[in-house]
C-alpha atoms as a PDB file:
ATOM      1  CA  UNK A   1      -5.730  45.680 -84.328  1.00  0.00           C
ATOM      2  CA  UNK A   2      -6.632  42.279 -85.422  1.00  0.00           C
ATOM      3  CA  UNK A   3      -9.242  40.013 -86.467  1.00  0.00           C
ATOM      4  CA  UNK A   4     -10.878  37.517 -84.182  1.00  0.00           C
ATOM      5  CA  UNK A   5     -10.693  33.785 -84.180  1.00  0.00           C
ATOM      6  CA  UNK A   6     -13.668  31.613 -83.361  1.00  0.00           C
ATOM      7  CA  UNK A   7     -17.119  32.609 -84.557  1.00  0.00           C
ATOM      8  CA  UNK A   8     -19.956  33.274 -82.228  1.00  0.00           C
ATOM      9  CA  UNK A   9     -23.416  34.667 -81.928  1.00  0.00           C
ATOM     10  CA  UNK A  10     -26.917  33.801 -81.346  1.00  0.00           C
ATOM     11  CA  UNK A  11     -28.032  30.298 -82.026  1.00  0.00           C
ATOM     12  CA  UNK A  12     -30.176  27.537 -80.876  1.00  0.00           C
ATOM     13  CA  UNK A  13     -27.830  24.674 -80.506  1.00  0.00           C
ATOM     14  CA  UNK A  14     -26.813  23.389 -77.130  1.00  0.00           C
ATOM     15  CA  UNK A  15     -23.157  24.075 -76.889  1.00  0.00           C
ATOM     16  CA  UNK A  16     -20.580  22.895 -74.534  1.00  0.00           C
ATOM     17  CA  UNK A  17     -19.201  24.676 -71.711  1.00  0.00           C
ATOM     18  CA  UNK A  18     -19.174  23.860 -68.090  1.00  0.00           C
ATOM     19  CA  UNK A  19     -18.245  26.980 -66.280  1.00  0.00           C
ATOM     20  CA  UNK A  20     -14.574  27.122 -65.678  1.00  0.00           C
ATOM     21  CA  UNK A  21     -12.644  28.703 -62.954  1.00  0.00           C
ATOM     22  CA  UNK A  22     -10.337  31.576 -63.515  1.00  0.00           C
ATOM     23  CA  UNK A  23     -10.705  34.938 -62.168  1.00  0.00           C
ATOM     24  CA  UNK A  24     -10.827  38.310 -63.653  1.00  0.00           C
ATOM     25  CA  UNK A  25      -8.939  41.465 -63.463  1.00  0.00           C
ATOM     26  CA  UNK A  26     -10.310  44.881 -63.852  1.00  0.00           C
ATOM     27  CA  UNK A  27      -9.266  48.362 -64.065  1.00  0.00           C
ATOM     28  CA  UNK A  28     -10.004  49.074 -60.534  1.00  0.00           C
ATOM     29  CA  UNK A  29     -10.487  46.041 -58.394  1.00  0.00           C
ATOM     30  CA  UNK A  30     -13.712  44.601 -57.171  1.00  0.00           C
ATOM     31  CA  UNK A  31     -16.348  47.075 -58.106  1.00  0.00           C
ATOM     32  CA  UNK A  32     -15.275  47.791 -61.687  1.00  0.00           C
ATOM     33  CA  UNK A  33     -16.561  50.428 -63.966  1.00  0.00           C
ATOM     34  CA  UNK A  34     -19.913  48.976 -64.607  1.00  0.00           C
ATOM     35  CA  UNK A  35     -21.306  49.092 -61.099  1.00  0.00           C
ATOM     36  CA  UNK A  36     -25.070  49.577 -60.957  1.00  0.00           C
ATOM     37  CA  UNK A  37     -26.465  52.724 -59.503  1.00  0.00           C
ATOM     38  CA  UNK A  38     -27.295  52.505 -55.822  1.00  0.00           C
ATOM     39  CA  UNK A  39     -29.320  54.527 -53.433  1.00  0.00           C
ATOM     40  CA  UNK A  40     -32.870  54.124 -54.639  1.00  0.00           C
ATOM     41  CA  UNK A  41     -35.306  56.927 -53.980  1.00  0.00           C
ATOM     42  CA  UNK A  42     -36.216  59.396 -51.337  1.00  0.00           C
ATOM     43  CA  UNK A  43     -38.844  58.133 -48.933  1.00  0.00           C
ATOM     44  CA  UNK A  44     -42.275  58.070 -50.447  1.00  0.00           C
ATOM     45  CA  UNK A  45     -41.049  58.829 -53.964  1.00  0.00           C
ATOM     46  CA  UNK A  46     -41.326  56.209 -56.685  1.00  0.00           C
ATOM     47  CA  UNK A  47     -38.154  55.306 -58.516  1.00  0.00           C
ATOM     48  CA  UNK A  48     -39.386  52.601 -60.849  1.00  0.00           C
ATOM     49  CA  UNK A  49     -39.184  53.253 -64.558  1.00  0.00           C
ATOM     50  CA  UNK A  50     -42.070  54.173 -66.795  1.00  0.00           C
ATOM     51  CA  UNK A  51     -43.858  51.200 -68.412  1.00  0.00           C
ATOM     52  CA  UNK A  52     -41.669  49.774 -71.173  1.00  0.00           C
ATOM     53  CA  UNK A  53     -38.491  51.294 -69.721  1.00  0.00           C
ATOM     54  CA  UNK A  54     -35.862  49.745 -67.517  1.00  0.00           C
ATOM     55  CA  UNK A  55     -35.742  50.980 -63.913  1.00  0.00           C
ATOM     56  CA  UNK A  56     -33.687  54.139 -63.402  1.00  0.00           C
ATOM     57  CA  UNK A  57     -31.210  52.109 -61.299  1.00  0.00           C
ATOM     58  CA  UNK A  58     -30.951  48.930 -63.365  1.00  0.00           C
ATOM     59  CA  UNK A  59     -28.267  49.348 -64.293  1.00  0.00           C
ATOM     60  CA  UNK A  60     -26.670  52.701 -64.558  1.00  0.00           C
ATOM     61  CA  UNK A  61     -23.319  52.010 -66.097  1.00  0.00           C
ATOM     62  CA  UNK A  62     -20.339  54.287 -65.906  1.00  0.00           C
ATOM     63  CA  UNK A  63     -19.049  53.138 -69.230  1.00  0.00           C
ATOM     64  CA  UNK A  64     -20.832  51.846 -72.310  1.00  0.00           C
ATOM     65  CA  UNK A  65     -24.284  52.597 -73.584  1.00  0.00           C
ATOM     66  CA  UNK A  66     -27.505  52.331 -71.613  1.00  0.00           C
ATOM     67  CA  UNK A  67     -28.622  49.056 -73.134  1.00  0.00           C
ATOM     68  CA  UNK A  68     -32.207  48.980 -71.855  1.00  0.00           C
ATOM     69  CA  UNK A  69     -34.515  46.040 -71.393  1.00  0.00           C
ATOM     70  CA  UNK A  70     -34.472  42.899 -73.550  1.00  0.00           C
ATOM     71  CA  UNK A  71     -38.227  42.823 -73.454  1.00  0.00           C
ATOM     72  CA  UNK A  72     -40.940  45.192 -72.321  1.00  0.00           C
ATOM     73  CA  UNK A  73     -41.602  44.821 -68.585  1.00  0.00           C
ATOM     74  CA  UNK A  74     -44.966  43.429 -67.648  1.00  0.00           C
ATOM     75  CA  UNK A  75     -47.717  45.620 -66.258  1.00  0.00           C
ATOM     76  CA  UNK A  76     -47.906  46.065 -62.519  1.00  0.00           C
ATOM     77  CA  UNK A  77     -50.107  43.251 -61.210  1.00  0.00           C
ATOM     78  CA  UNK A  78     -53.416  44.167 -59.664  1.00  0.00           C
ATOM     79  CA  UNK A  79     -53.114  44.555 -55.943  1.00  0.00           C
ATOM     80  CA  UNK A  80     -49.290  44.501 -55.919  1.00  0.00           C
ATOM     81  CA  UNK A  81     -47.892  46.782 -53.321  1.00  0.00           C
ATOM     82  CA  UNK A  82     -44.673  47.627 -51.563  1.00  0.00           C
ATOM     83  CA  UNK A  83     -45.621  45.651 -48.542  1.00  0.00           C
ATOM     84  CA  UNK A  84     -44.425  42.095 -48.268  1.00  0.00           C
ATOM     85  CA  UNK A  85     -46.820  39.313 -49.058  1.00  0.00           C
ATOM     86  CA  UNK A  86     -46.952  35.642 -48.109  1.00  0.00           C
ATOM     87  CA  UNK A  87     -43.533  34.060 -48.519  1.00  0.00           C
ATOM     88  CA  UNK A  88     -43.275  31.786 -51.528  1.00  0.00           C
ATOM     89  CA  UNK A  89     -40.619  29.768 -49.719  1.00  0.00           C
ATOM     90  CA  UNK A  90     -41.492  30.175 -45.992  1.00  0.00           C
ATOM     91  CA  UNK A  91     -38.869  29.543 -43.363  1.00  0.00           C
ATOM     92  CA  UNK A  92     -35.659  30.916 -42.079  1.00  0.00           C
ATOM     93  CA  UNK A  93     -32.531  31.923 -43.959  1.00  0.00           C
ATOM     94  CA  UNK A  94     -31.754  28.179 -44.326  1.00  0.00           C
ATOM     95  CA  UNK A  95     -34.624  28.097 -46.819  1.00  0.00           C
ATOM     96  CA  UNK A  96     -33.128  30.845 -48.926  1.00  0.00           C
ATOM     97  CA  UNK A  97     -32.486  34.558 -49.037  1.00  0.00           C
ATOM     98  CA  UNK A  98     -35.079  37.242 -49.783  1.00  0.00           C
ATOM     99  CA  UNK A  99     -35.241  37.940 -53.486  1.00  0.00           C
ATOM    100  CA  UNK A 100     -34.768  41.728 -53.165  1.00  0.00           C
ATOM    101  CA  UNK A 101     -31.616  41.193 -51.032  1.00  0.00           C
ATOM    102  CA  UNK A 102     -30.126  38.792 -53.553  1.00  0.00           C
ATOM    103  CA  UNK A 103     -30.819  41.360 -56.361  1.00  0.00           C
ATOM    104  CA  UNK A 104     -29.292  44.190 -54.402  1.00  0.00           C
ATOM    105  CA  UNK A 105     -26.207  42.180 -53.522  1.00  0.00           C
ATOM    106  CA  UNK A 106     -25.772  41.336 -57.227  1.00  0.00           C
ATOM    107  CA  UNK A 107     -25.624  45.073 -58.059  1.00  0.00           C
ATOM    108  CA  UNK A 108     -29.024  45.418 -59.727  1.00  0.00           C
ATOM    109  CA  UNK A 109     -30.011  48.446 -57.599  1.00  0.00           C
ATOM    110  CA  UNK A 110     -30.761  49.419 -54.018  1.00  0.00           C
ATOM    111  CA  UNK A 111     -32.978  47.023 -52.047  1.00  0.00           C
ATOM    112  CA  UNK A 112     -35.862  49.586 -52.199  1.00  0.00           C
ATOM    113  CA  UNK A 113     -35.687  49.814 -56.031  1.00  0.00           C
ATOM    114  CA  UNK A 114     -35.437  46.042 -56.249  1.00  0.00           C
ATOM    115  CA  UNK A 115     -38.665  45.788 -54.306  1.00  0.00           C
ATOM    116  CA  UNK A 116     -40.297  48.117 -56.823  1.00  0.00           C
ATOM    117  CA  UNK A 117     -39.039  46.033 -59.787  1.00  0.00           C
ATOM    118  CA  UNK A 118     -40.613  42.942 -58.140  1.00  0.00           C
ATOM    119  CA  UNK A 119     -43.915  44.651 -57.428  1.00  0.00           C
ATOM    120  CA  UNK A 120     -44.064  45.857 -61.042  1.00  0.00           C
ATOM    121  CA  UNK A 121     -43.816  42.295 -62.304  1.00  0.00           C
ATOM    122  CA  UNK A 122     -40.469  42.855 -64.006  1.00  0.00           C
ATOM    123  CA  UNK A 123     -38.606  40.040 -62.229  1.00  0.00           C
ATOM    124  CA  UNK A 124     -38.606  36.336 -63.093  1.00  0.00           C
ATOM    125  CA  UNK A 125     -37.261  33.489 -60.998  1.00  0.00           C
ATOM    126  CA  UNK A 126     -36.539  30.272 -62.893  1.00  0.00           C
ATOM    127  CA  UNK A 127     -38.620  31.617 -65.776  1.00  0.00           C
ATOM    128  CA  UNK A 128     -41.721  32.448 -63.696  1.00  0.00           C
ATOM    129  CA  UNK A 129     -42.865  36.023 -62.960  1.00  0.00           C
ATOM    130  CA  UNK A 130     -42.619  36.993 -59.297  1.00  0.00           C
ATOM    131  CA  UNK A 131     -44.580  39.760 -57.519  1.00  0.00           C
ATOM    132  CA  UNK A 132     -44.291  38.607 -53.894  1.00  0.00           C
ATOM    133  CA  UNK A 133     -41.723  40.562 -51.964  1.00  0.00           C
ATOM    134  CA  UNK A 134     -41.363  37.874 -49.350  1.00  0.00           C
ATOM    135  CA  UNK A 135     -40.121  35.221 -51.789  1.00  0.00           C
ATOM    136  CA  UNK A 136     -36.832  33.515 -50.875  1.00  0.00           C
ATOM    137  CA  UNK A 137     -34.384  32.168 -53.398  1.00  0.00           C
ATOM    138  CA  UNK A 138     -31.233  30.071 -53.439  1.00  0.00           C
ATOM    139  CA  UNK A 139     -28.532  32.148 -55.209  1.00  0.00           C
ATOM    140  CA  UNK A 140     -26.531  28.997 -55.913  1.00  0.00           C
ATOM    141  CA  UNK A 141     -29.389  27.273 -57.690  1.00  0.00           C
ATOM    142  CA  UNK A 142     -32.073  29.718 -58.866  1.00  0.00           C
ATOM    143  CA  UNK A 143     -31.943  31.921 -62.001  1.00  0.00           C
ATOM    144  CA  UNK A 144     -33.143  35.514 -61.855  1.00  0.00           C
ATOM    145  CA  UNK A 145     -34.006  37.758 -64.797  1.00  0.00           C
ATOM    146  CA  UNK A 146     -34.942  41.461 -64.674  1.00  0.00           C
ATOM    147  CA  UNK A 147     -36.623  42.941 -67.765  1.00  0.00           C
ATOM    148  CA  UNK A 148     -35.460  39.857 -69.588  1.00  0.00           C
ATOM    149  CA  UNK A 149     -31.832  40.197 -68.533  1.00  0.00           C
ATOM    150  CA  UNK A 150     -30.170  37.493 -66.493  1.00  0.00           C
ATOM    151  CA  UNK A 151     -28.669  38.665 -63.177  1.00  0.00           C
ATOM    152  CA  UNK A 152     -25.313  36.935 -62.607  1.00  0.00           C
ATOM    153  CA  UNK A 153     -25.409  35.687 -59.034  1.00  0.00           C
ATOM    154  CA  UNK A 154     -22.081  33.776 -59.073  1.00  0.00           C
ATOM    155  CA  UNK A 155     -19.679  36.298 -57.633  1.00  0.00           C
ATOM    156  CA  UNK A 156     -16.675  34.217 -58.615  1.00  0.00           C
ATOM    157  CA  UNK A 157     -17.393  34.794 -62.340  1.00  0.00           C
ATOM    158  CA  UNK A 158     -15.804  37.881 -63.782  1.00  0.00           C
ATOM    159  CA  UNK A 159     -16.389  39.748 -67.061  1.00  0.00           C
ATOM    160  CA  UNK A 160     -14.109  42.377 -68.490  1.00  0.00           C
ATOM    161  CA  UNK A 161     -13.513  44.323 -71.751  1.00  0.00           C
ATOM    162  CA  UNK A 162      -9.928  45.056 -72.707  1.00  0.00           C
ATOM    163  CA  UNK A 163      -9.131  47.768 -75.333  1.00  0.00           C
ATOM    164  CA  UNK A 164      -6.042  46.078 -76.859  1.00  0.00           C
ATOM    165  CA  UNK A 165      -3.432  48.437 -78.246  1.00  0.00           C
ATOM    166  CA  UNK A 166      -1.508  47.604 -81.376  1.00  0.00           C
ATOM    167  CA  UNK A 167       1.610  45.514 -80.758  1.00  0.00           C
ATOM    168  CA  UNK A 168       0.117  43.546 -77.850  1.00  0.00           C
ATOM    169  CA  UNK A 169      -0.043  39.758 -78.135  1.00  0.00           C
ATOM    170  CA  UNK A 170      -3.406  38.154 -77.440  1.00  0.00           C
ATOM    171  CA  UNK A 171      -2.054  35.747 -74.794  1.00  0.00           C
ATOM    172  CA  UNK A 172      -1.825  35.944 -71.002  1.00  0.00           C
ATOM    173  CA  UNK A 173       1.906  35.060 -71.170  1.00  0.00           C
ATOM    174  CA  UNK A 174       4.444  35.239 -73.984  1.00  0.00           C
ATOM    175  CA  UNK A 175       7.579  33.082 -73.952  1.00  0.00           C
ATOM    176  CA  UNK A 176       9.340  35.639 -76.199  1.00  0.00           C
ATOM    177  CA  UNK A 177       8.811  38.395 -73.612  1.00  0.00           C
ATOM    178  CA  UNK A 178       6.544  40.507 -75.837  1.00  0.00           C
ATOM    179  CA  UNK A 179       3.929  42.739 -74.250  1.00  0.00           C
ATOM    180  CA  UNK A 180       0.777  40.709 -73.608  1.00  0.00           C
ATOM    181  CA  UNK A 181      -2.681  40.949 -71.958  1.00  0.00           C
ATOM    182  CA  UNK A 182      -1.417  40.178 -68.395  1.00  0.00           C
ATOM    183  CA  UNK A 183       0.753  43.282 -68.511  1.00  0.00           C
ATOM    184  CA  UNK A 184      -2.454  45.362 -68.350  1.00  0.00           C
ATOM    185  CA  UNK A 185      -4.202  43.343 -65.645  1.00  0.00           C
ATOM    186  CA  UNK A 186      -3.601  45.006 -62.299  1.00  0.00           C
ATOM    187  CA  UNK A 187      -4.595  42.105 -60.040  1.00  0.00           C
ATOM    188  CA  UNK A 188      -2.048  39.455 -60.999  1.00  0.00           C
ATOM    189  CA  UNK A 189      -3.662  36.900 -58.651  1.00  0.00           C
ATOM    190  CA  UNK A 190      -6.856  36.858 -60.722  1.00  0.00           C
ATOM    191  CA  UNK A 191      -6.667  34.389 -63.567  1.00  0.00           C
ATOM    192  CA  UNK A 192      -8.521  35.212 -66.822  1.00  0.00           C
ATOM    193  CA  UNK A 193      -8.627  33.916 -70.317  1.00  0.00           C
ATOM    194  CA  UNK A 194      -9.408  35.887 -73.461  1.00  0.00           C
ATOM    195  CA  UNK A 195     -12.399  35.057 -75.685  1.00  0.00           C
ATOM    196  CA  UNK A 196     -11.034  34.615 -79.165  1.00  0.00           C
ATOM    197  CA  UNK A 197      -8.030  36.706 -80.135  1.00  0.00           C
ATOM    198  CA  UNK A 198      -6.947  39.668 -82.051  1.00  0.00           C
ATOM    199  CA  UNK A 199      -3.725  39.533 -84.055  1.00  0.00           C
ATOM    200  CA  UNK A 200      -0.771  41.523 -82.815  1.00  0.00           C
ATOM    201  CA  UNK A 201      -1.417  44.460 -85.191  1.00  0.00           C
ATOM    202  CA  UNK A 202      -5.184  44.647 -84.568  1.00  0.00           C
ATOM    203  CA  UNK A 203      -6.557  46.945 -81.874  1.00  0.00           C
ATOM    204  CA  UNK A 204      -9.788  47.046 -79.937  1.00  0.00           C
ATOM    205  CA  UNK A 205     -12.346  45.106 -77.956  1.00  0.00           C
ATOM    206  CA  UNK A 206     -11.328  41.788 -76.378  1.00  0.00           C
ATOM    207  CA  UNK A 207     -13.489  40.042 -73.790  1.00  0.00           C
ATOM    208  CA  UNK A 208     -11.705  38.610 -70.769  1.00  0.00           C
ATOM    209  CA  UNK A 209     -13.503  36.251 -68.384  1.00  0.00           C
ATOM    210  CA  UNK A 210     -13.301  33.161 -66.256  1.00  0.00           C
ATOM    211  CA  UNK A 211     -16.748  31.974 -67.328  1.00  0.00           C
ATOM    212  CA  UNK A 212     -15.980  28.908 -69.452  1.00  0.00           C
ATOM    213  CA  UNK A 213     -19.548  28.375 -70.688  1.00  0.00           C
ATOM    214  CA  UNK A 214     -19.806  31.937 -71.912  1.00  0.00           C
ATOM    215  CA  UNK A 215     -16.440  31.773 -73.631  1.00  0.00           C
ATOM    216  CA  UNK A 216     -17.368  28.552 -75.390  1.00  0.00           C
ATOM    217  CA  UNK A 217     -20.624  30.021 -76.680  1.00  0.00           C
ATOM    218  CA  UNK A 218     -19.089  33.295 -77.820  1.00  0.00           C
ATOM    219  CA  UNK A 219     -16.636  31.428 -79.917  1.00  0.00           C
ATOM    220  CA  UNK A 220     -18.975  28.711 -81.146  1.00  0.00           C
ATOM    221  CA  UNK A 221     -20.028  29.159 -84.840  1.00  0.00           C
ATOM    222  CA  UNK A 222     -23.694  28.355 -84.130  1.00  0.00           C
ATOM    223  CA  UNK A 223     -24.163  31.570 -82.132  1.00  0.00           C
ATOM    224  CA  UNK A 224     -22.809  33.899 -84.818  1.00  0.00           C
ATOM    225  CA  UNK A 225     -22.120  36.850 -82.508  1.00  0.00           C
ATOM    226  CA  UNK A 226     -21.753  39.959 -84.688  1.00  0.00           C
ATOM    227  CA  UNK A 227     -18.526  41.952 -84.529  1.00  0.00           C
ATOM    228  CA  UNK A 228     -18.022  45.467 -85.880  1.00  0.00           C
ATOM    229  CA  UNK A 229     -14.629  46.701 -87.109  1.00  0.00           C
ATOM    230  CA  UNK A 230     -13.216  50.022 -88.213  1.00  0.00           C
ATOM    231  CA  UNK A 231     -10.961  49.456 -91.245  1.00  0.00           C
ATOM    232  CA  UNK A 232      -8.488  51.832 -92.781  1.00  0.00           C
ATOM    233  CA  UNK A 233      -7.280  51.228 -96.326  1.00  0.00           C
ATOM    234  CA  UNK A 234      -5.544  53.341 -98.924  1.00  0.00           C
ATOM    235  CA  UNK A 235      -7.951  55.155-101.222  1.00  0.00           C
ATOM    236  CA  UNK A 236      -9.610  55.773-103.525  1.00  0.00           C
ATOM    237  CA  UNK A 237     -12.117  52.937-103.127  1.00  0.00           C
ATOM    238  CA  UNK A 238     -13.944  52.118-106.425  1.00  0.00           C
ATOM    239  CA  UNK A 239     -17.696  51.725-106.541  1.00  0.00           C
ATOM    240  CA  UNK A 240     -18.880  48.157-106.047  1.00  0.00           C
ATOM    241  CA  UNK A 241     -16.271  46.905-103.510  1.00  0.00           C
ATOM    242  CA  UNK A 242     -18.802  46.910-100.689  1.00  0.00           C
ATOM    243  CA  UNK A 243     -21.365  44.992-102.734  1.00  0.00           C
ATOM    244  CA  UNK A 244     -18.723  42.451-103.697  1.00  0.00           C
ATOM    245  CA  UNK A 245     -17.753  41.909-100.033  1.00  0.00           C
ATOM    246  CA  UNK A 246     -21.358  41.527 -98.958  1.00  0.00           C
ATOM    247  CA  UNK A 247     -22.038  39.010-101.696  1.00  0.00           C
ATOM    248  CA  UNK A 248     -19.001  36.933-100.731  1.00  0.00           C
ATOM    249  CA  UNK A 249     -15.335  36.526-101.608  1.00  0.00           C
ATOM    250  CA  UNK A 250     -13.485  33.287-102.152  1.00  0.00           C
ATOM    251  CA  UNK A 251     -10.647  32.840 -99.669  1.00  0.00           C
ATOM    252  CA  UNK A 252      -8.242  29.899 -99.296  1.00  0.00           C
ATOM    253  CA  UNK A 253     -10.551  28.294 -96.725  1.00  0.00           C
ATOM    254  CA  UNK A 254     -13.835  28.965 -98.477  1.00  0.00           C
ATOM    255  CA  UNK A 255     -16.233  31.872 -99.133  1.00  0.00           C
ATOM    256  CA  UNK A 256     -16.571  34.672 -96.603  1.00  0.00           C
ATOM    257  CA  UNK A 257     -18.565  37.837 -96.551  1.00  0.00           C
ATOM    258  CA  UNK A 258     -19.422  40.896 -94.455  1.00  0.00           C
ATOM    259  CA  UNK A 259     -22.952  41.497 -93.199  1.00  0.00           C
ATOM    260  CA  UNK A 260     -22.651  45.276 -93.678  1.00  0.00           C
ATOM    261  CA  UNK A 261     -20.243  47.663 -95.331  1.00  0.00           C
ATOM    262  CA  UNK A 262     -20.340  51.378 -94.551  1.00  0.00           C
ATOM    263  CA  UNK A 263     -18.053  54.118 -95.842  1.00  0.00           C
ATOM    264  CA  UNK A 264     -17.255  56.357 -92.815  1.00  0.00           C
ATOM    265  CA  UNK A 265     -14.735  58.853 -94.253  1.00  0.00           C
ATOM    266  CA  UNK A 266     -12.602  59.437 -97.269  1.00  0.00           C
ATOM    267  CA  UNK A 267      -9.524  61.558 -97.828  1.00  0.00           C
ATOM    268  CA  UNK A 268      -6.616  61.437-100.315  1.00  0.00           C
ATOM    269  CA  UNK A 269      -4.826  58.165 -99.732  1.00  0.00           C
ATOM    270  CA  UNK A 270      -7.014  57.140 -96.799  1.00  0.00           C
ATOM    271  CA  UNK A 271     -10.492  55.567 -96.532  1.00  0.00           C
ATOM    272  CA  UNK A 272     -12.267  54.549 -93.346  1.00  0.00           C
ATOM    273  CA  UNK A 273     -14.877  51.779 -93.473  1.00  0.00           C
ATOM    274  CA  UNK A 274     -17.065  50.075 -90.885  1.00  0.00           C
ATOM    275  CA  UNK A 275     -17.811  46.444 -91.484  1.00  0.00           C
ATOM    276  CA  UNK A 276     -19.887  43.971 -89.449  1.00  0.00           C
ATOM    277  CA  UNK A 277     -19.463  40.193 -89.758  1.00  0.00           C
ATOM    278  CA  UNK A 278     -20.286  37.089 -87.805  1.00  0.00           C
ATOM    279  CA  UNK A 279     -17.393  34.922 -88.886  1.00  0.00           C
ATOM    280  CA  UNK A 280     -14.645  34.297 -86.414  1.00  0.00           C
ATOM    281  CA  UNK A 281     -12.173  32.781 -88.907  1.00  0.00           C
ATOM    282  CA  UNK A 282      -8.524  33.673 -88.431  1.00  0.00           C
ATOM    283  CA  UNK A 283      -7.627  37.134 -89.766  1.00  0.00           C
ATOM    284  CA  UNK A 284     -10.809  37.100 -91.834  1.00  0.00           C
ATOM    285  CA  UNK A 285     -11.215  40.884 -92.075  1.00  0.00           C
ATOM    286  CA  UNK A 286      -7.675  41.369 -93.328  1.00  0.00           C
ATOM    287  CA  UNK A 287      -7.957  38.483 -95.763  1.00  0.00           C
ATOM    288  CA  UNK A 288     -11.233  39.773 -97.172  1.00  0.00           C
ATOM    289  CA  UNK A 289      -9.741  43.202 -97.922  1.00  0.00           C
ATOM    290  CA  UNK A 290      -6.600  41.644 -99.384  1.00  0.00           C
ATOM    291  CA  UNK A 291      -8.802  39.597-101.710  1.00  0.00           C
ATOM    292  CA  UNK A 292     -10.488  42.688-103.116  1.00  0.00           C
ATOM    293  CA  UNK A 293      -7.140  44.468-103.587  1.00  0.00           C
ATOM    294  CA  UNK A 294      -7.120  46.841-100.579  1.00  0.00           C
ATOM    295  CA  UNK A 295      -4.744  45.660 -97.837  1.00  0.00           C
ATOM    296  CA  UNK A 296      -5.703  46.813 -94.354  1.00  0.00           C
ATOM    297  CA  UNK A 297      -3.542  49.637 -92.963  1.00  0.00           C
ATOM    298  CA  UNK A 298      -5.278  49.756 -89.581  1.00  0.00           C
ATOM    299  CA  UNK A 299      -7.912  47.593 -87.940  1.00  0.00           C
ATOM    300  CA  UNK A 300      -9.913  48.158 -84.734  1.00  0.00           C
ATOM    301  CA  UNK A 301     -12.690  45.982 -83.310  1.00  0.00           C
ATOM    302  CA  UNK A 302     -15.339  48.373 -82.076  1.00  0.00           C
ATOM    303  CA  UNK A 303     -18.100  46.057 -80.945  1.00  0.00           C
ATOM    304  CA  UNK A 304     -18.801  42.445 -80.100  1.00  0.00           C
ATOM    305  CA  UNK A 305     -22.415  41.417 -79.623  1.00  0.00           C
ATOM    306  CA  UNK A 306     -23.999  43.968 -77.227  1.00  0.00           C
ATOM    307  CA  UNK A 307     -20.623  45.276 -76.034  1.00  0.00           C
ATOM    308  CA  UNK A 308     -18.905  48.252 -77.480  1.00  0.00           C
ATOM    309  CA  UNK A 309     -15.713  50.209 -76.690  1.00  0.00           C
ATOM    310  CA  UNK A 310     -17.265  53.645 -76.491  1.00  0.00           C
ATOM    311  CA  UNK A 311     -14.667  56.069 -75.140  1.00  0.00           C
ATOM    312  CA  UNK A 312     -12.677  53.415 -73.241  1.00  0.00           C
ATOM    313  CA  UNK A 313      -9.043  54.237 -73.537  1.00  0.00           C
ATOM    314  CA  UNK A 314      -6.466  51.917 -75.078  1.00  0.00           C
ATOM    315  CA  UNK A 315      -4.761  49.647 -72.616  1.00  0.00           C
ATOM    316  CA  UNK A 316      -7.605  49.793 -70.084  1.00  0.00           C
ATOM    317  CA  UNK A 317      -9.276  46.702 -68.688  1.00  0.00           C
ATOM    318  CA  UNK A 318     -12.696  47.446 -67.250  1.00  0.00           C
ATOM    319  CA  UNK A 319     -15.218  45.269 -65.473  1.00  0.00           C
ATOM    320  CA  UNK A 320     -18.615  44.933 -67.099  1.00  0.00           C
ATOM    321  CA  UNK A 321     -21.673  46.229 -65.207  1.00  0.00           C
ATOM    322  CA  UNK A 322     -24.715  44.056 -64.372  1.00  0.00           C
ATOM    323  CA  UNK A 323     -26.686  45.266 -67.408  1.00  0.00           C
ATOM    324  CA  UNK A 324     -23.796  44.588 -69.832  1.00  0.00           C
ATOM    325  CA  UNK A 325     -23.364  41.121 -68.385  1.00  0.00           C
ATOM    326  CA  UNK A 326     -27.062  40.432 -68.704  1.00  0.00           C
ATOM    327  CA  UNK A 327     -27.130  41.429 -72.343  1.00  0.00           C
ATOM    328  CA  UNK A 328     -23.925  39.484 -73.081  1.00  0.00           C
ATOM    329  CA  UNK A 329     -25.357  36.307 -71.566  1.00  0.00           C
ATOM    330  CA  UNK A 330     -28.656  36.800 -73.372  1.00  0.00           C
ATOM    331  CA  UNK A 331     -26.860  37.192 -76.734  1.00  0.00           C
ATOM    332  CA  UNK A 332     -25.738  33.539 -76.491  1.00  0.00           C
ATOM    333  CA  UNK A 333     -29.011  32.214 -74.945  1.00  0.00           C
ATOM    334  CA  UNK A 334     -27.679  32.027 -71.367  1.00  0.00           C
END
């Protein structure tokens, strides 16, 4: 387990980060664990979600929670139907690709369900609501959102979550020959970098990607991405420790505090605590507990922004699904 370095979170500042190239590695190749549900509906049967809910098919993830929409989808526009209307960008394929095809290719859902999402007014192109099924877009230039979530159209960008075991170094290569992240990446030809780091004795969630802009934002202090940790210390824990850590503790590099402190379990000689904090300072969780007199015995990062480990096994690298990617991008205003 370990604590992260580099703060991140939501913010309003423009931060650096041209997208960089490096490629990802997942647990099972191209499709990854988070592939959206396909197949749509039987003929004549509606598959769109109820008002206020995401479509059934966007995006059914194999791992992780069903995150839902970022905002309530709009009402179905009057007169909208499943038939195609006048093209917003008329012309052949040289003028773009049909919106529903681009969405389906990006893993949002089947083309039929994508058409329903468009007709229900739940899709935006470049910030504008779209209801015309004949609209064409340029996947290399246009931005598409579904229920407020950005659809990643750049197929070269990869996003993964690694459940780092204890004893693994948070580097892609280690000159000392210690076990590192690349030992768990199956496709050695794909080049990734880790977002922040966990110290060698810390376990848990580590984001791997080749998206330079996202990585820069996730580690930039102005975005303050929340991170949740499970902490084990030796008990008993006296009353008032949590309040002290929420108020703030002086460390060698300044004050630090947790956003929340929750006692999960207590047994003779062992106490489990969940803490949430935005800071990404080096080993900040361990240093906070050291400062209040309770050295950390075990540390696991459970969540980062909208991402969580769930039941993902240690040592597994899994690809994020379209919905997870959408929420992750939105968490840093992308």
